[in-house]
PDB file of N, CA and C in Angstrom:
ATOM      1  N   MET A   1       0.835  -1.185   0.000  1.00  0.00           N
ATOM      2  CA  MET A   1       0.000   0.000   0.000  1.00  0.00           C
ATOM      3  C   MET A   1       0.874   1.240   0.000  1.00  0.00           C
ATOM      4  N   GLU A   2       0.324   2.288  -0.554  1.00  0.00           N
ATOM      5  CA  GLU A   2       1.053   3.541  -0.638  1.00  0.00           C
ATOM      6  C   GLU A   2       1.367   4.111   0.743  1.00  0.00           C
ATOM      7  N   VAL A   3       0.451   3.924   1.674  1.00  0.00           N
ATOM      8  CA  VAL A   3       0.645   4.470   3.020  1.00  0.00           C
ATOM      9  C   VAL A   3       1.862   3.843   3.680  1.00  0.00           C
ATOM     10  N   VAL A   4       2.018   2.539   3.534  1.00  0.00           N
ATOM     11  CA  VAL A   4       3.161   1.852   4.135  1.00  0.00           C
ATOM     12  C   VAL A   4       4.455   2.326   3.489  1.00  0.00           C
ATOM     13  N   ALA A   5       4.450   2.475   2.178  1.00  0.00           N
ATOM     14  CA  ALA A   5       5.648   2.959   1.488  1.00  0.00           C
ATOM     15  C   ALA A   5       6.023   4.351   1.977  1.00  0.00           C
ATOM     16  N   CYS A   6       5.042   5.199   2.162  1.00  0.00           N
ATOM     17  CA  CYS A   6       5.310   6.548   2.672  1.00  0.00           C
ATOM     18  C   CYS A   6       5.831   6.506   4.102  1.00  0.00           C
ATOM     19  N   LEU A   7       5.253   5.641   4.925  1.00  0.00           N
ATOM     20  CA  LEU A   7       5.737   5.506   6.306  1.00  0.00           C
ATOM     21  C   LEU A   7       7.206   5.095   6.335  1.00  0.00           C
ATOM     22  N   ILE A   8       7.562   4.168   5.473  1.00  0.00           N
ATOM     23  CA  ILE A   8       8.952   3.703   5.431  1.00  0.00           C
ATOM     24  C   ILE A   8       9.875   4.837   5.002  1.00  0.00           C
ATOM     25  N   LEU A   9       9.487   5.582   3.984  1.00  0.00           N
ATOM     26  CA  LEU A   9      10.303   6.710   3.538  1.00  0.00           C
ATOM     27  C   LEU A   9      10.432   7.773   4.623  1.00  0.00           C
ATOM     28  N   ILE A  10       9.341   8.056   5.305  1.00  0.00           N
ATOM     29  CA  ILE A  10       9.361   9.045   6.382  1.00  0.00           C
ATOM     30  C   ILE A  10      10.300   8.597   7.495  1.00  0.00           C
ATOM     31  N   HIS A  11      10.236   7.328   7.838  1.00  0.00           N
ATOM     32  CA  HIS A  11      11.105   6.799   8.893  1.00  0.00           C
ATOM     33  C   HIS A  11      12.572   6.803   8.464  1.00  0.00           C
ATOM     34  N   GLU A  12      12.830   6.387   7.239  1.00  0.00           N
ATOM     35  CA  GLU A  12      14.211   6.346   6.747  1.00  0.00           C
ATOM     36  C   GLU A  12      14.844   7.727   6.692  1.00  0.00           C
ATOM     37  N   ASN A  13      14.037   8.746   6.472  1.00  0.00           N
ATOM     38  CA  ASN A  13      14.552  10.120   6.424  1.00  0.00           C
ATOM     39  C   ASN A  13      14.504  10.815   7.781  1.00  0.00           C
ATOM     40  N   ASN A  14      14.249  10.022   8.822  1.00  0.00           N
ATOM     41  CA  ASN A  14      14.262  10.506  10.208  1.00  0.00           C
ATOM     42  C   ASN A  14      13.237  11.605  10.499  1.00  0.00           C
ATOM     43  N   TYR A  15      12.107  11.557   9.827  1.00  0.00           N
ATOM     44  CA  TYR A  15      11.020  12.474  10.149  1.00  0.00           C
ATOM     45  C   TYR A  15      10.104  11.891  11.221  1.00  0.00           C
ATOM     46  N   LEU A  16      10.325  10.627  11.559  1.00  0.00           N
ATOM     47  CA  LEU A  16       9.459   9.907  12.482  1.00  0.00           C
ATOM     48  C   LEU A  16      10.326   9.010  13.354  1.00  0.00           C
ATOM     49  N   ASP A  17      10.087   9.023  14.663  1.00  0.00           N
ATOM     50  CA  ASP A  17      10.881   8.157  15.527  1.00  0.00           C
ATOM     51  C   ASP A  17      10.381   6.713  15.438  1.00  0.00           C
ATOM     52  N   ARG A  18      11.186   5.796  15.959  1.00  0.00           N
ATOM     53  CA  ARG A  18      10.921   4.354  15.830  1.00  0.00           C
ATOM     54  C   ARG A  18       9.591   3.954  16.450  1.00  0.00           C
ATOM     55  N   SER A  19       9.274   4.465  17.634  1.00  0.00           N
ATOM     56  CA  SER A  19       8.035   4.058  18.307  1.00  0.00           C
ATOM     57  C   SER A  19       6.803   4.525  17.538  1.00  0.00           C
ATOM     58  N   ALA A  20       6.839   5.728  17.006  1.00  0.00           N
ATOM     59  CA  ALA A  20       5.711   6.224  16.219  1.00  0.00           C
ATOM     60  C   ALA A  20       5.569   5.422  14.929  1.00  0.00           C
ATOM     61  N   PHE A  21       6.709   5.117  14.306  1.00  0.00           N
ATOM     62  CA  PHE A  21       6.686   4.308  13.088  1.00  0.00           C
ATOM     63  C   PHE A  21       6.055   2.943  13.347  1.00  0.00           C
ATOM     64  N   GLU A  22       6.488   2.279  14.414  1.00  0.00           N
ATOM     65  CA  GLU A  22       5.963   0.952  14.727  1.00  0.00           C
ATOM     66  C   GLU A  22       4.463   0.997  15.019  1.00  0.00           C
ATOM     67  N   ARG A  23       4.009   2.028  15.726  1.00  0.00           N
ATOM     68  CA  ARG A  23       2.582   2.161  16.033  1.00  0.00           C
ATOM     69  C   ARG A  23       1.777   2.373  14.753  1.00  0.00           C
ATOM     70  N   LEU A  24       2.240   3.284  13.901  1.00  0.00           N
ATOM     71  CA  LEU A  24       1.521   3.559  12.662  1.00  0.00           C
ATOM     72  C   LEU A  24       1.569   2.378  11.698  1.00  0.00           C
ATOM     73  N   TYR A  25       2.692   1.679  11.661  1.00  0.00           N
ATOM     74  CA  TYR A  25       2.815   0.505  10.801  1.00  0.00           C
ATOM     75  C   TYR A  25       1.842  -0.584  11.258  1.00  0.00           C
ATOM     76  N   ALA A  26       1.742  -0.793  12.565  1.00  0.00           N
ATOM     77  CA  ALA A  26       0.801  -1.788  13.099  1.00  0.00           C
ATOM     78  C   ALA A  26      -0.638  -1.411  12.746  1.00  0.00           C
ATOM     79  N   GLU A  27      -0.966  -0.144  12.841  1.00  0.00           N
ATOM     80  CA  GLU A  27      -2.312   0.306  12.474  1.00  0.00           C
ATOM     81  C   GLU A  27      -2.569   0.090  10.984  1.00  0.00           C
ATOM     82  N   SER A  28      -1.560   0.325  10.155  1.00  0.00           N
ATOM     83  CA  SER A  28      -1.737   0.125   8.717  1.00  0.00           C
ATOM     84  C   SER A  28      -1.942  -1.354   8.391  1.00  0.00           C
ATOM     85  N   GLU A  29      -1.298  -2.243   9.143  1.00  0.00           N
ATOM     86  CA  GLU A  29      -1.508  -3.680   8.941  1.00  0.00           C
ATOM     87  C   GLU A  29      -2.944  -4.068   9.286  1.00  0.00           C
ATOM     88  N   LYS A  30      -3.462  -3.525  10.375  1.00  0.00           N
ATOM     89  CA  LYS A  30      -4.850  -3.805  10.763  1.00  0.00           C
ATOM     90  C   LYS A  30      -5.813  -3.303   9.691  1.00  0.00           C
ATOM     91  N   LEU A  31      -5.577  -2.092   9.217  1.00  0.00           N
ATOM     92  CA  LEU A  31      -6.450  -1.520   8.201  1.00  0.00           C
ATOM     93  C   LEU A  31      -6.389  -2.328   6.910  1.00  0.00           C
ATOM     94  N   SER A  32      -5.200  -2.759   6.524  1.00  0.00           N
ATOM     95  CA  SER A  32      -5.050  -3.575   5.313  1.00  0.00           C
ATOM     96  C   SER A  32      -5.821  -4.882   5.436  1.00  0.00           C
ATOM     97  N   ALA A  33      -5.760  -5.507   6.602  1.00  0.00           N
ATOM     98  CA  ALA A  33      -6.482  -6.759   6.825  1.00  0.00           C
ATOM     99  C   ALA A  33      -7.989  -6.537   6.733  1.00  0.00           C
ATOM    100  N   LYS A  34      -8.475  -5.426   7.280  1.00  0.00           N
ATOM    101  CA  LYS A  34      -9.909  -5.125   7.221  1.00  0.00           C
ATOM    102  C   LYS A  34     -10.360  -4.867   5.788  1.00  0.00           C
ATOM    103  N   ILE A  35      -9.543  -4.134   5.037  1.00  0.00           N
ATOM    104  CA  ILE A  35      -9.881  -3.846   3.638  1.00  0.00           C
ATOM    105  C   ILE A  35      -9.907  -5.134   2.823  1.00  0.00           C
ATOM    106  N   LEU A  36      -8.938  -6.014   3.042  1.00  0.00           N
ATOM    107  CA  LEU A  36      -8.895  -7.289   2.326  1.00  0.00           C
ATOM    108  C   LEU A  36     -10.102  -8.156   2.679  1.00  0.00           C
ATOM    109  N   ALA A  37     -10.476  -8.183   3.953  1.00  0.00           N
ATOM    110  CA  ALA A  37     -11.642  -8.967   4.368  1.00  0.00           C
ATOM    111  C   ALA A  37     -12.909  -8.424   3.718  1.00  0.00           C
ATOM    112  N   MET A  38     -13.048  -7.106   3.658  1.00  0.00           N
ATOM    113  CA  MET A  38     -14.219  -6.512   3.024  1.00  0.00           C
ATOM    114  C   MET A  38     -14.244  -6.836   1.528  1.00  0.00           C
ATOM    115  N   LYS A  39     -13.083  -6.738   0.888  1.00  0.00           N
ATOM    116  CA  LYS A  39     -12.983  -7.042  -0.541  1.00  0.00           C
ATOM    117  C   LYS A  39     -13.378  -8.493  -0.817  1.00  0.00           C
ATOM    118  N   ASN A  40     -12.892  -9.411   0.014  1.00  0.00           N
ATOM    119  CA  ASN A  40     -13.226 -10.826  -0.158  1.00  0.00           C
ATOM    120  C   ASN A  40     -14.703 -11.093   0.096  1.00  0.00           C
ATOM    121  N   ALA A  41     -15.290 -10.399   1.069  1.00  0.00           N
ATOM    122  CA  ALA A  41     -16.716 -10.573   1.349  1.00  0.00           C
ATOM    123  C   ALA A  41     -17.560 -10.080   0.178  1.00  0.00           C
ATOM    124  N   ILE A  42     -17.154  -8.987  -0.414  1.00  0.00           N
ATOM    125  CA  ILE A  42     -17.891  -8.461  -1.573  1.00  0.00           C
ATOM    126  C   ILE A  42     -17.780  -9.425  -2.741  1.00  0.00           C
ATOM    127  N   LYS A  43     -16.582  -9.951  -2.984  1.00  0.00           N
ATOM    128  CA  LYS A  43     -16.406 -10.924  -4.066  1.00  0.00           C
ATOM    129  C   LYS A  43     -17.271 -12.153  -3.845  1.00  0.00           C
ATOM    130  N   LYS A  44     -17.290 -12.653  -2.612  1.00  0.00           N
ATOM    131  CA  LYS A  44     -18.065 -13.846  -2.298  1.00  0.00           C
ATOM    132  C   LYS A  44     -19.547 -13.601  -2.527  1.00  0.00           C
ATOM    133  N   ARG A  45     -20.033 -12.471  -2.059  1.00  0.00           N
ATOM    134  CA  ARG A  45     -21.456 -12.162  -2.244  1.00  0.00           C
ATOM    135  C   ARG A  45     -21.806 -11.972  -3.712  1.00  0.00           C
ATOM    136  N   SER A  46     -20.956 -11.305  -4.460  1.00  0.00           N
ATOM    137  CA  SER A  46     -21.272 -11.070  -5.864  1.00  0.00           C
ATOM    138  C   SER A  46     -21.219 -12.361  -6.666  1.00  0.00           C
ATOM    139  N   SER A  47     -20.372 -13.303  -6.265  1.00  0.00           N
ATOM    140  CA  SER A  47     -20.318 -14.583  -6.978  1.00  0.00           C
ATOM    141  C   SER A  47     -21.528 -15.454  -6.645  1.00  0.00           C
ATOM    142  N   ASN A  48     -22.172 -15.185  -5.513  1.00  0.00           N
ATOM    143  CA  ASN A  48     -23.376 -15.913  -5.128  1.00  0.00           C
ATOM    144  C   ASN A  48     -24.645 -15.193  -5.548  1.00  0.00           C
ATOM    145  N   ASN A  49     -24.493 -14.183  -6.378  1.00  0.00           N
ATOM    146  CA  ASN A  49     -25.617 -13.396  -6.888  1.00  0.00           C
ATOM    147  C   ASN A  49     -26.414 -12.685  -5.791  1.00  0.00           C
ATOM    148  N   TYR A  50     -25.784 -12.363  -4.688  1.00  0.00           N
ATOM    149  CA  TYR A  50     -26.455 -11.572  -3.661  1.00  0.00           C
ATOM    150  C   TYR A  50     -26.509 -10.102  -4.053  1.00  0.00           C
ATOM    151  N   VAL A  51     -25.520  -9.675  -4.808  1.00  0.00           N
ATOM    152  CA  VAL A  51     -25.466  -8.288  -5.238  1.00  0.00           C
ATOM    153  C   VAL A  51     -25.924  -8.256  -6.683  1.00  0.00           C
ATOM    154  N   ASN A  52     -27.066  -7.705  -6.899  1.00  0.00           N
ATOM    155  CA  ASN A  52     -27.604  -7.586  -8.252  1.00  0.00           C
ATOM    156  C   ASN A  52     -27.788  -6.123  -8.570  1.00  0.00           C
ATOM    157  N   GLU A  53     -27.294  -5.734  -9.713  1.00  0.00           N
ATOM    158  CA  GLU A  53     -27.421  -4.346 -10.111  1.00  0.00           C
ATOM    159  C   GLU A  53     -27.789  -4.315 -11.584  1.00  0.00           C
ATOM    160  N   GLU A  54     -28.810  -3.580 -11.875  1.00  0.00           N
ATOM    161  CA  GLU A  54     -29.199  -3.420 -13.267  1.00  0.00           C
ATOM    162  C   GLU A  54     -28.191  -2.502 -13.953  1.00  0.00           C
ATOM    163  N   THR A  55     -27.815  -2.863 -15.163  1.00  0.00           N
ATOM    164  CA  THR A  55     -26.901  -2.007 -15.902  1.00  0.00           C
ATOM    165  C   THR A  55     -27.702  -0.988 -16.693  1.00  0.00           C
ATOM    166  N   GLU A  56     -27.172   0.175 -16.781  1.00  0.00           N
ATOM    167  CA  GLU A  56     -27.834   1.265 -17.486  1.00  0.00           C
ATOM    168  C   GLU A  56     -27.100   1.503 -18.785  1.00  0.00           C
ATOM    169  N   ASN A  57     -27.835   1.644 -19.864  1.00  0.00           N
ATOM    170  CA  ASN A  57     -27.256   1.944 -21.154  1.00  0.00           C
ATOM    171  C   ASN A  57     -27.209   3.467 -21.301  1.00  0.00           C
ATOM    172  N   TYR A  58     -26.008   4.004 -21.302  1.00  0.00           N
ATOM    173  CA  TYR A  58     -25.832   5.447 -21.416  1.00  0.00           C
ATOM    174  C   TYR A  58     -25.556   5.886 -22.839  1.00  0.00           C
ATOM    175  N   GLY A  59     -25.589   4.964 -23.778  1.00  0.00           N
ATOM    176  CA  GLY A  59     -25.430   5.309 -25.177  1.00  0.00           C
ATOM    177  C   GLY A  59     -24.000   5.623 -25.600  1.00  0.00           C
ATOM    178  N   PHE A  60     -23.035   5.057 -24.902  1.00  0.00           N
ATOM    179  CA  PHE A  60     -21.652   5.290 -25.302  1.00  0.00           C
ATOM    180  C   PHE A  60     -21.235   4.344 -26.362  1.00  0.00           C
TER     181      PHE A  60
END
């Protein structure tokens, strides 16, 4: 994720101390896991036809 890459760059350039980096990195791992779980749940539901959406023809 872009956030993790930025955190690493910020830490490497000494804009952030080690404890703050570790706390923010741990939070980013939690957020990544939640996003992945949500993504997988959406995929599972859409493959089971729980999510139905009519397509609209916009004339493109």
